[in-house]
Each structure stands twice: as C-alpha cells, then as structure tokens.
Amino acid sequence: MSRSREDLLKEAKALRSWAEARQLFHAIGGAGPRPAAGGGAEMFSAGGIETLSRKPITAIGLNAERGEEGTIYVYTARQLNRAERKELEEAYPKTADVQFRQARPLTVDPGASPSPPPSGLSGQWTRYTCGSSISLGNVREAGTLGCLLKDENGDIFGLSANHVVGGCSNARMGAPIVAPGIKDVGVGQPDPRTIGYYERAAPFVAGDPGVVPVKANCDAAVFKLIRPKEISSWQGDYYDTPVDIGDPREDADIEKVGRSTRLTQGLIESQVVGPHPVGFKTTVWHSSEESVEFRATVYFDPVYVLRGKNRPFAAGGDSGSLVIQHEEGNRRTAVGILFAGKESDVSYMLPLKPLLESLGMTLVSGHNPK
C-alpha cells in the first residue's frame, strides 16, 4: 500500500461516521428501512443511500494489505445484488478501494451448535487435545478448548470463550468444566469427565461504548486443569500450539482446529473499525433450582473478520478455537481467539496478545505430544 495505515484508518472512520449520522447501521434485533439524515457531503448517490437503508450496514473494516491505496470493506446485513454494488462502488469519492460483503448481525447462542464430527476417541480416553469439545458441566452446550496456558506459579489452565466456559461471566468460580461438552455426550461418544474448574474471565461488560470501556472487553475465560497430564497442547493431531504470539495481519493466511469444523484454512479479511456489537443469550445454572438468564449486547474493539478458503472458516461450537497465522519460513504464530462464526457467514476473532498480557499467562507448547 502506497499510503500509511493511519490515512486508511482515517478514511474508514470518516465513512463510519457518515453512515452513523444517516442511521444506516443495523440495530441488533432487527431494523426496518431508515430515512437518510444528517448534513455534510454525501459519500454515495441517493440510490446508494436508499439501498443501504434497506440493507443496513453491520460493520466497516479495513485491509491495509490489499490494493494500492488499501481496501475498505462495507458489511451489510443482506447481500447486495450486482447493480447495487456497482452503483455504490462507482459513487464512492475517496481514495481506497471499497468492497461490499454480507455479514449478518451477530447473536451468539451457545446452545445452537451443530452436531460434531466423529472424535475418534475411545470411551475411556487418556489424552484430550486442544481443538476439542468442552462445556460447563451442567448446560447442554458445547464449544472448543482453544489452548493451554501457564501462570507465574506454573499451574496449567485451559482457555476458551467466556460464553463457552464462563457463562458470559455468570458462572461461579469452581464450576466444573467437562470434556466432551454436555451436548456431545452420547452412545458411541467419549465418556465425559471433569477436566478442570472455572477460574476467571477477561472483562465482559455489556453497555454502550460511550460509557463502557469496551477496549478491555474480550470473550475469553480460563479454567484450571485437574490432571494436566491427560490434556495435550496439540491442536487435534494436526499441529502443536505455537510458542510464539503474533499480531493479526490483514490478508494473512490462518488456520484453526475447532469442535465443529475441525481443521480449516482462511485469511484475515479486515479489522473492524470501531466497537463491534455482539448479542449474547444464555442460561447459567448454579443448581437445579437456581439459574441466571443473560441477554445483552456486548461491544468489542478491536475485532477481526475471518473468511474461509473453499469452505466456511467456522461454525457454531467452534467458539474458543485458537487462530494460527502463517509467517515466513513456514512458521506459525498464535494471533487470536475465535468467538463467533456461522457456516453461512464470516467468522470473528479477538486478538490474543493483549488477552494473555491481561491474564498474566503464557502459551503452553510441547505438552503431552502425540
């Protein structure tokens, strides 16, 4: 890219501000047509504005690695047809390339994961890998064990999404974490057992970005392993968790191993500009008679949009997966935690480095190899 990333970011923020002023952003929970409003120069034609009022924007992202002047992605709740895309792209008056992609509004429901592929484990398993099914011990859900972490005392923990093992910050400390996840327990499946106890979560605070410090939010939680020798740092039997942690890079090749779609490859399509809203709904049980229902919108910043190669990068149940980035020399670095994705849509990742810094933990590699 011939210009700086700061200039591209400034342009993307200007587009976001313009769209917000004209109420062209989607409201989580559904939105009907909205009238154009606000002053200032228009960035699209009247016909383009009318299109975006019917097919509202869900996010704006940037990719500093694509195109001579960088690329700005405008994600819409409904797919634009060819004529609509052409009119919008030709009318855009700024420097960067602009592309329109569909990305539906995000609502995460931990109980909605599809059936998993065969695990290949025996009933009485002796080695359980990252990239496999886990859940809280008393909910019919399933997500993914992303990786193993170690604290300053040398204790080993498992990392996953907060909505998988932390009940969206409503689980109580010491709650059992089971493998496989309760939703995956059945005849012919590995016998379930408690592999750890819920320890703590990263900040996960609902509320408007104007009053909540959303840059601290991260959909992640850790649990302390009971018998670390039974859990492997390997991602399935595909590769070991990398030692190195990297920064996400747009257009970089990535891969992950998850509970539902197993090994998939893709790329980092863009970094979302500004706080990104995600709706969560779950019920956390503390006993047979005591439960907490959580229904809220949580904002995250930064968020990265991931797109699969040849097939979707992730599906429900893959939340918590560790996202690996390919570097020069066939080297892998760990760059993020997958926290949302559907087979019919794009997937989303939160950066790993600031999360580990806030937890005061490091990645575990070479633990219980195959």
Protein backbone atom coordinates (compact mmCIF):
# COMPACT_ATOMS: atom_id res chain seq x y z
CA MET A 1 0.00 0.00 0.00
CA SER A 2 1.44 3.35 -1.06
CA ARG A 3 -0.04 5.37 1.82
CA SER A 4 0.03 4.92 5.58
CA ARG A 5 -2.29 2.73 7.59
CA GLU A 6 -3.23 5.81 9.60
CA ASP A 7 -4.58 7.50 6.47
CA LEU A 8 -6.62 4.42 5.57
CA LEU A 9 -7.98 4.23 9.12
CA LYS A 10 -8.93 7.92 8.99
CA GLU A 11 -10.84 7.33 5.75
CA ALA A 12 -12.62 4.26 7.15
CA LYS A 13 -13.61 6.17 10.30
CA ALA A 14 -14.98 9.00 8.16
CA LEU A 15 -17.14 6.53 6.26
CA ARG A 16 -18.38 5.01 9.50
CA SER A 17 -19.23 8.44 10.94
CA TRP A 18 -21.09 9.36 7.75
CA ALA A 19 -23.13 6.13 7.87
CA GLU A 20 -23.92 6.57 11.57
CA ALA A 21 -25.09 10.15 11.00
CA ARG A 22 -27.51 8.87 8.39
CA GLN A 23 -28.68 5.97 10.56
CA LEU A 24 -27.52 3.38 8.03
CA PHE A 25 -26.18 0.94 10.65
CA HIS A 26 -28.16 -2.15 11.59
CA ALA A 27 -29.67 -2.33 15.08
CA ILE A 28 -29.19 -5.74 16.71
CA GLY A 29 -32.55 -7.45 16.90
CA GLY A 30 -33.73 -6.20 13.51
CA ALA A 31 -34.23 -2.92 11.75
CA GLY A 32 -36.56 -1.69 9.07
CA PRO A 33 -35.91 0.95 6.39
CA ARG A 34 -34.45 4.15 7.78
CA PRO A 35 -34.62 7.63 6.29
CA ALA A 36 -31.39 9.35 5.33
CA ALA A 37 -30.43 12.12 7.71
CA GLY A 38 -27.59 14.42 8.60
CA GLY A 39 -25.62 17.10 6.78
CA GLY A 40 -22.24 17.18 5.07
CA ALA A 41 -21.01 15.80 1.76
CA GLU A 42 -22.56 12.56 0.60
CA MET A 43 -20.31 9.55 0.05
CA PHE A 44 -22.78 7.69 -2.16
CA SER A 45 -25.58 8.52 -4.57
CA ALA A 46 -29.18 8.91 -3.45
CA GLY A 47 -29.89 5.47 -4.88
CA GLY A 48 -26.98 4.01 -2.93
CA ILE A 49 -28.18 5.58 0.30
CA GLU A 50 -31.64 4.13 -0.31
CA THR A 51 -30.06 0.69 -0.84
CA LEU A 52 -28.18 0.92 2.46
CA SER A 53 -31.34 1.97 4.27
CA ARG A 54 -32.98 -1.29 3.12
CA LYS A 55 -29.86 -3.42 3.56
CA PRO A 56 -28.20 -1.74 6.54
CA ILE A 57 -24.53 -1.80 7.41
CA THR A 58 -23.35 -4.20 10.13
CA ALA A 59 -19.65 -3.25 10.14
CA ILE A 60 -16.93 -1.35 8.32
CA GLY A 61 -13.49 -2.92 8.09
CA LEU A 62 -10.10 -2.04 6.64
CA ASN A 63 -7.40 -4.07 4.94
CA ALA A 64 -4.09 -2.24 4.59
CA GLU A 65 -2.52 -5.11 2.62
CA ARG A 66 -4.97 -5.22 -0.28
CA GLY A 67 -4.96 -2.71 -3.14
CA GLU A 68 -2.60 0.15 -3.96
CA GLU A 69 -4.36 2.50 -1.54
CA GLY A 70 -5.79 -0.12 0.81
CA THR A 71 -9.31 -1.55 0.86
CA ILE A 72 -12.34 -0.64 2.95
CA TYR A 73 -14.99 -3.33 3.41
CA VAL A 74 -18.60 -2.37 4.00
CA TYR A 75 -20.51 -5.30 5.50
CA THR A 76 -24.29 -5.36 5.11
CA ALA A 77 -26.99 -7.41 6.80
CA ARG A 78 -28.36 -8.52 3.43
CA GLN A 79 -26.44 -9.31 0.28
CA LEU A 80 -26.34 -6.59 -2.38
CA ASN A 81 -27.08 -7.50 -5.98
CA ARG A 82 -24.63 -6.69 -8.76
CA ALA A 83 -26.33 -3.44 -9.79
CA GLU A 84 -26.47 -2.18 -6.21
CA ARG A 85 -22.78 -2.93 -5.64
CA LYS A 86 -21.77 -1.25 -8.90
CA GLU A 87 -23.69 1.93 -8.12
CA LEU A 88 -22.18 2.20 -4.64
CA GLU A 89 -18.61 1.39 -5.68
CA GLU A 90 -18.62 3.83 -8.60
CA ALA A 91 -20.03 6.67 -6.50
CA TYR A 92 -17.53 6.35 -3.62
CA PRO A 93 -15.44 9.56 -3.74
CA LYS A 94 -12.44 8.65 -1.58
CA THR A 95 -9.02 7.10 -2.21
CA ALA A 96 -9.28 3.48 -1.03
CA ASP A 97 -10.94 0.67 -2.90
CA VAL A 98 -14.35 -0.08 -1.40
CA GLN A 99 -15.94 -3.53 -1.44
CA PHE A 100 -19.32 -4.67 -0.17
CA ARG A 101 -19.76 -8.04 1.54
CA GLN A 102 -22.56 -9.64 3.52
CA ALA A 103 -22.11 -10.16 7.26
CA ARG A 104 -25.24 -10.76 9.27
CA PRO A 105 -25.75 -9.18 12.71
CA LEU A 106 -24.03 -11.23 15.40
CA THR A 107 -26.04 -13.10 18.01
CA VAL A 108 -24.24 -15.84 19.94
CA ASP A 109 -26.30 -18.71 21.35
CA PRO A 110 -24.02 -21.34 22.96
CA GLY A 111 -26.76 -23.99 22.76
CA ALA A 112 -27.18 -23.73 18.99
CA SER A 113 -24.04 -25.58 17.87
CA PRO A 114 -24.45 -28.30 15.21
CA SER A 115 -23.57 -31.97 15.67
CA PRO A 116 -19.81 -32.57 15.80
CA PRO A 117 -17.82 -34.90 13.52
CA PRO A 118 -16.65 -38.25 14.97
CA SER A 119 -13.98 -37.65 17.59
CA GLY A 120 -12.01 -40.85 17.09
CA LEU A 121 -11.57 -41.18 20.86
CA SER A 122 -12.37 -44.28 22.85
CA GLY A 123 -14.88 -44.18 25.70
CA GLN A 124 -12.17 -44.13 28.37
CA TRP A 125 -9.80 -41.67 26.72
CA THR A 126 -6.33 -40.98 28.12
CA ARG A 127 -5.33 -37.94 26.06
CA TYR A 128 -7.57 -34.99 25.13
CA THR A 129 -6.36 -32.31 22.74
CA CYS A 130 -7.00 -28.64 22.19
CA GLY A 131 -9.47 -28.01 19.40
CA SER A 132 -11.90 -30.45 21.04
CA SER A 133 -15.34 -30.19 22.66
CA ILE A 134 -15.84 -28.75 26.17
CA SER A 135 -18.57 -27.01 28.16
CA LEU A 136 -19.72 -26.08 31.62
CA GLY A 137 -20.69 -29.25 33.44
CA ASN A 138 -24.45 -28.65 33.70
CA VAL A 139 -25.50 -27.00 30.43
CA ARG A 140 -26.43 -28.71 27.17
CA GLU A 141 -23.88 -26.77 25.14
CA ALA A 142 -20.51 -27.33 23.50
CA GLY A 143 -17.62 -25.13 22.45
CA THR A 144 -13.89 -25.55 21.88
CA LEU A 145 -10.83 -25.85 24.10
CA GLY A 146 -8.58 -23.28 22.42
CA CYS A 147 -5.19 -23.81 24.03
CA LEU A 148 -3.34 -24.36 27.29
CA LEU A 149 -1.86 -21.53 29.35
CA LYS A 150 0.57 -21.36 32.26
CA ASP A 151 0.63 -18.78 35.05
CA GLU A 152 3.62 -17.49 37.00
CA ASN A 153 3.27 -20.36 39.50
CA GLY A 154 3.50 -22.98 36.77
CA ASP A 155 -0.16 -24.03 37.05
CA ILE A 156 -1.77 -25.03 33.74
CA PHE A 157 -5.12 -23.69 32.55
CA GLY A 158 -7.42 -24.18 29.60
CA LEU A 159 -8.55 -21.20 27.52
CA SER A 160 -11.87 -20.89 25.71
CA ALA A 161 -14.55 -18.31 25.02
CA ASN A 162 -16.30 -16.81 28.03
CA HIS A 163 -19.69 -17.83 26.63
CA VAL A 164 -18.41 -21.45 26.45
CA VAL A 165 -16.90 -21.95 29.92
CA GLY A 166 -17.74 -18.77 31.82
CA GLY A 167 -21.46 -18.43 31.21
CA CYS A 168 -20.91 -14.87 29.93
CA SER A 169 -19.31 -14.05 33.32
CA ASN A 170 -22.24 -15.59 35.21
CA ALA A 171 -20.64 -18.95 36.08
CA ARG A 172 -19.34 -19.24 39.62
CA MET A 173 -15.69 -19.80 40.39
CA GLY A 174 -15.08 -23.53 40.75
CA ALA A 175 -17.80 -24.61 38.31
CA PRO A 176 -16.77 -27.90 36.66
CA ILE A 177 -15.67 -27.90 33.02
CA VAL A 178 -16.30 -31.18 31.21
CA ALA A 179 -14.94 -32.87 28.09
CA PRO A 180 -16.56 -33.51 25.78
CA GLY A 181 -19.20 -30.79 26.14
CA ILE A 182 -22.55 -31.96 27.51
CA LYS A 183 -24.23 -31.53 24.12
CA ASP A 184 -21.80 -34.09 22.67
CA VAL A 185 -22.36 -36.80 25.29
CA GLY A 186 -23.99 -39.92 23.89
CA VAL A 187 -23.70 -43.57 22.90
CA GLY A 188 -20.53 -44.17 20.94
CA GLN A 189 -19.02 -40.87 22.07
CA PRO A 190 -16.12 -40.40 24.51
CA ASP A 191 -17.14 -40.71 28.14
CA PRO A 192 -17.48 -37.27 29.77
CA ARG A 193 -15.30 -36.27 32.67
CA THR A 194 -14.44 -33.12 34.56
CA ILE A 195 -11.12 -31.76 33.29
CA GLY A 196 -10.97 -28.54 35.28
CA TYR A 197 -12.69 -25.87 37.33
CA TYR A 198 -13.67 -22.40 36.15
CA GLU A 199 -11.20 -19.81 37.39
CA ARG A 200 -11.82 -16.36 35.90
CA ALA A 201 -12.77 -14.39 32.80
CA ALA A 202 -11.48 -11.39 30.92
CA PRO A 203 -13.63 -8.23 31.18
CA PHE A 204 -17.02 -8.82 29.56
CA VAL A 205 -19.16 -5.76 30.23
CA ALA A 206 -22.41 -5.00 28.43
CA GLY A 207 -23.33 -1.42 27.67
CA ASP A 208 -22.96 1.45 25.25
CA PRO A 209 -19.39 2.17 24.06
CA GLY A 210 -19.82 5.75 25.21
CA VAL A 211 -19.98 4.68 28.86
CA VAL A 212 -18.30 1.24 28.93
CA PRO A 213 -14.51 0.71 28.39
CA VAL A 214 -15.10 -1.69 25.50
CA LYS A 215 -11.43 -1.94 24.51
CA ALA A 216 -10.92 -4.07 27.63
CA ASN A 217 -13.73 -6.47 26.68
CA CYS A 218 -12.77 -9.94 25.50
CA ASP A 219 -14.93 -13.06 25.16
CA ALA A 220 -12.44 -15.32 26.93
CA ALA A 221 -12.20 -17.31 30.17
CA VAL A 222 -9.81 -19.78 31.77
CA PHE A 223 -10.22 -22.89 33.90
CA LYS A 224 -7.60 -24.70 35.99
CA LEU A 225 -6.83 -28.24 34.85
CA ILE A 226 -7.26 -31.07 37.37
CA ARG A 227 -4.94 -33.58 35.70
CA PRO A 228 -2.78 -31.70 33.18
CA LYS A 229 -1.09 -34.93 32.02
CA GLU A 230 -4.38 -36.02 30.41
CA ILE A 231 -4.65 -32.87 28.25
CA SER A 232 -2.42 -32.14 25.25
CA SER A 233 -1.29 -28.79 23.85
CA TRP A 234 -1.69 -30.24 20.35
CA GLN A 235 -4.47 -28.88 18.15
CA GLY A 236 -6.19 -32.19 17.44
CA ASP A 237 -3.49 -34.34 15.86
CA TYR A 238 -2.70 -31.68 13.26
CA TYR A 239 -0.02 -29.50 14.90
CA ASP A 240 1.17 -28.30 18.29
CA THR A 241 0.18 -24.94 19.74
CA PRO A 242 2.88 -22.46 18.65
CA VAL A 243 5.32 -20.98 21.12
CA ASP A 244 5.19 -17.53 19.53
CA ILE A 245 2.40 -14.95 19.76
CA GLY A 246 1.90 -12.54 16.87
CA ASP A 247 -0.16 -9.54 15.86
CA PRO A 248 -3.02 -10.17 13.41
CA ARG A 249 -2.18 -9.05 9.88
CA GLU A 250 -4.81 -8.40 7.22
CA ASP A 251 -4.66 -10.80 4.27
CA ALA A 252 -2.54 -13.26 6.28
CA ASP A 253 -3.19 -16.98 5.87
CA ILE A 254 -4.69 -18.51 9.00
CA GLU A 255 -5.96 -21.83 10.31
CA LYS A 256 -7.70 -23.25 13.34
CA VAL A 257 -8.90 -26.54 14.81
CA GLY A 258 -12.39 -26.44 16.28
CA ARG A 259 -15.00 -28.74 17.75
CA SER A 260 -17.45 -28.47 14.82
CA THR A 261 -15.45 -27.92 11.62
CA ARG A 262 -12.09 -29.28 12.80
CA LEU A 263 -9.12 -28.06 10.69
CA THR A 264 -9.95 -25.13 8.41
CA GLN A 265 -7.88 -22.58 6.50
CA GLY A 266 -8.74 -18.98 5.73
CA LEU A 267 -7.48 -15.41 5.80
CA ILE A 268 -7.90 -12.28 7.88
CA GLU A 269 -10.14 -10.20 5.63
CA SER A 270 -10.24 -7.00 7.66
CA GLN A 271 -10.04 -5.28 11.01
CA VAL A 272 -13.38 -3.82 12.04
CA VAL A 273 -13.30 -0.04 12.52
CA GLY A 274 -14.80 1.00 15.85
CA PRO A 275 -16.62 -1.01 18.56
CA HIS A 276 -18.48 -4.03 17.20
CA PRO A 277 -21.74 -5.21 18.86
CA VAL A 278 -22.48 -8.86 19.60
CA GLY A 279 -25.72 -10.13 21.10
CA PHE A 280 -25.45 -12.94 23.67
CA LYS A 281 -28.14 -15.14 25.15
CA THR A 282 -27.56 -18.00 27.56
CA THR A 283 -28.85 -19.54 30.77
CA VAL A 284 -26.39 -20.47 33.51
CA TRP A 285 -27.41 -22.98 36.18
CA HIS A 286 -25.91 -22.77 39.65
CA SER A 287 -28.07 -25.63 40.98
CA SER A 288 -31.23 -27.49 39.99
CA GLU A 289 -33.29 -24.59 41.31
CA GLU A 290 -31.06 -21.54 40.78
CA SER A 291 -30.29 -20.10 37.37
CA VAL A 292 -29.35 -16.83 35.69
CA GLU A 293 -30.53 -15.76 32.25
CA PHE A 294 -28.13 -13.49 30.37
CA ARG A 295 -29.43 -11.41 27.46
CA ALA A 296 -27.27 -8.46 26.46
CA THR A 297 -25.27 -6.72 23.77
CA VAL A 298 -21.52 -6.55 24.39
CA TYR A 299 -19.17 -4.39 22.29
CA PHE A 300 -15.61 -5.39 21.37
CA ASP A 301 -12.74 -3.38 19.89
CA PRO A 302 -10.68 -4.47 18.02
CA VAL A 303 -12.39 -7.30 16.14
CA TYR A 304 -11.11 -9.10 13.03
CA VAL A 305 -13.24 -10.56 10.23
CA LEU A 306 -12.13 -14.00 9.03
CA ARG A 307 -13.08 -15.69 5.78
CA GLY A 308 -12.58 -19.36 4.96
CA LYS A 309 -10.91 -20.77 1.88
CA ASN A 310 -13.06 -23.22 -0.11
CA ARG A 311 -15.43 -23.65 2.85
CA PRO A 312 -16.58 -21.68 5.91
CA PHE A 313 -13.84 -20.99 8.42
CA ALA A 314 -16.02 -21.84 11.43
CA ALA A 315 -19.46 -22.83 12.67
CA GLY A 316 -21.33 -22.79 15.95
CA GLY A 317 -19.40 -24.83 18.51
CA ASP A 318 -16.01 -23.64 17.23
CA SER A 319 -16.00 -20.68 19.64
CA GLY A 320 -12.85 -20.64 21.73
CA SER A 321 -10.63 -22.02 18.97
CA LEU A 322 -7.07 -20.71 18.76
CA VAL A 323 -6.41 -18.92 15.46
CA ILE A 324 -2.96 -19.52 13.97
CA GLN A 325 -1.27 -17.17 11.48
CA HIS A 326 1.28 -18.36 8.91
CA GLU A 327 4.54 -16.41 8.79
CA GLU A 328 7.59 -16.56 6.54
CA GLY A 329 9.65 -19.72 6.71
CA ASN A 330 6.63 -21.96 7.34
CA ARG A 331 6.43 -20.60 10.89
CA ARG A 332 3.19 -20.42 12.89
CA THR A 333 2.21 -17.77 15.41
CA ALA A 334 -0.87 -17.67 17.62
CA VAL A 335 -2.81 -14.45 16.97
CA GLY A 336 -6.37 -14.73 18.25
CA ILE A 337 -9.33 -16.49 19.77
CA LEU A 338 -12.34 -17.24 17.60
CA PHE A 339 -15.55 -16.17 19.32
CA ALA A 340 -18.26 -16.19 16.67
CA GLY A 341 -18.94 -17.74 13.30
CA LYS A 342 -21.60 -19.43 11.21
CA GLU A 343 -21.28 -21.84 8.31
CA SER A 344 -23.27 -19.42 6.15
CA ASP A 345 -21.30 -16.32 7.10
CA VAL A 346 -17.93 -14.87 8.07
CA SER A 347 -16.23 -15.57 11.41
CA TYR A 348 -14.83 -13.21 14.02
CA MET A 349 -11.65 -13.16 16.11
CA LEU A 350 -10.31 -11.20 19.08
CA PRO A 351 -6.53 -10.61 19.38
CA LEU A 352 -4.61 -12.95 21.68
CA LYS A 353 -1.62 -10.85 22.75
CA PRO A 354 -3.49 -8.26 24.90
CA LEU A 355 -5.59 -11.05 26.42
CA LEU A 356 -2.55 -13.00 27.64
CA GLU A 357 -0.96 -9.81 28.93
CA SER A 358 -4.08 -9.02 30.97
CA LEU A 359 -4.25 -12.59 32.31
CA GLY A 360 -0.53 -12.71 33.12
CA MET A 361 -0.23 -16.08 31.39
CA THR A 362 1.81 -17.65 28.59
CA LEU A 363 1.10 -20.25 25.92
CA VAL A 364 1.91 -23.88 26.63
CA SER A 365 3.52 -25.90 23.83
CA GLY A 366 5.09 -29.36 23.71
CA HIS A 367 2.76 -30.67 26.44
CA ASN A 368 1.70 -34.32 26.15
CA PRO A 369 2.51 -34.67 22.42
CA LYS A 370 1.05 -37.46 20.32
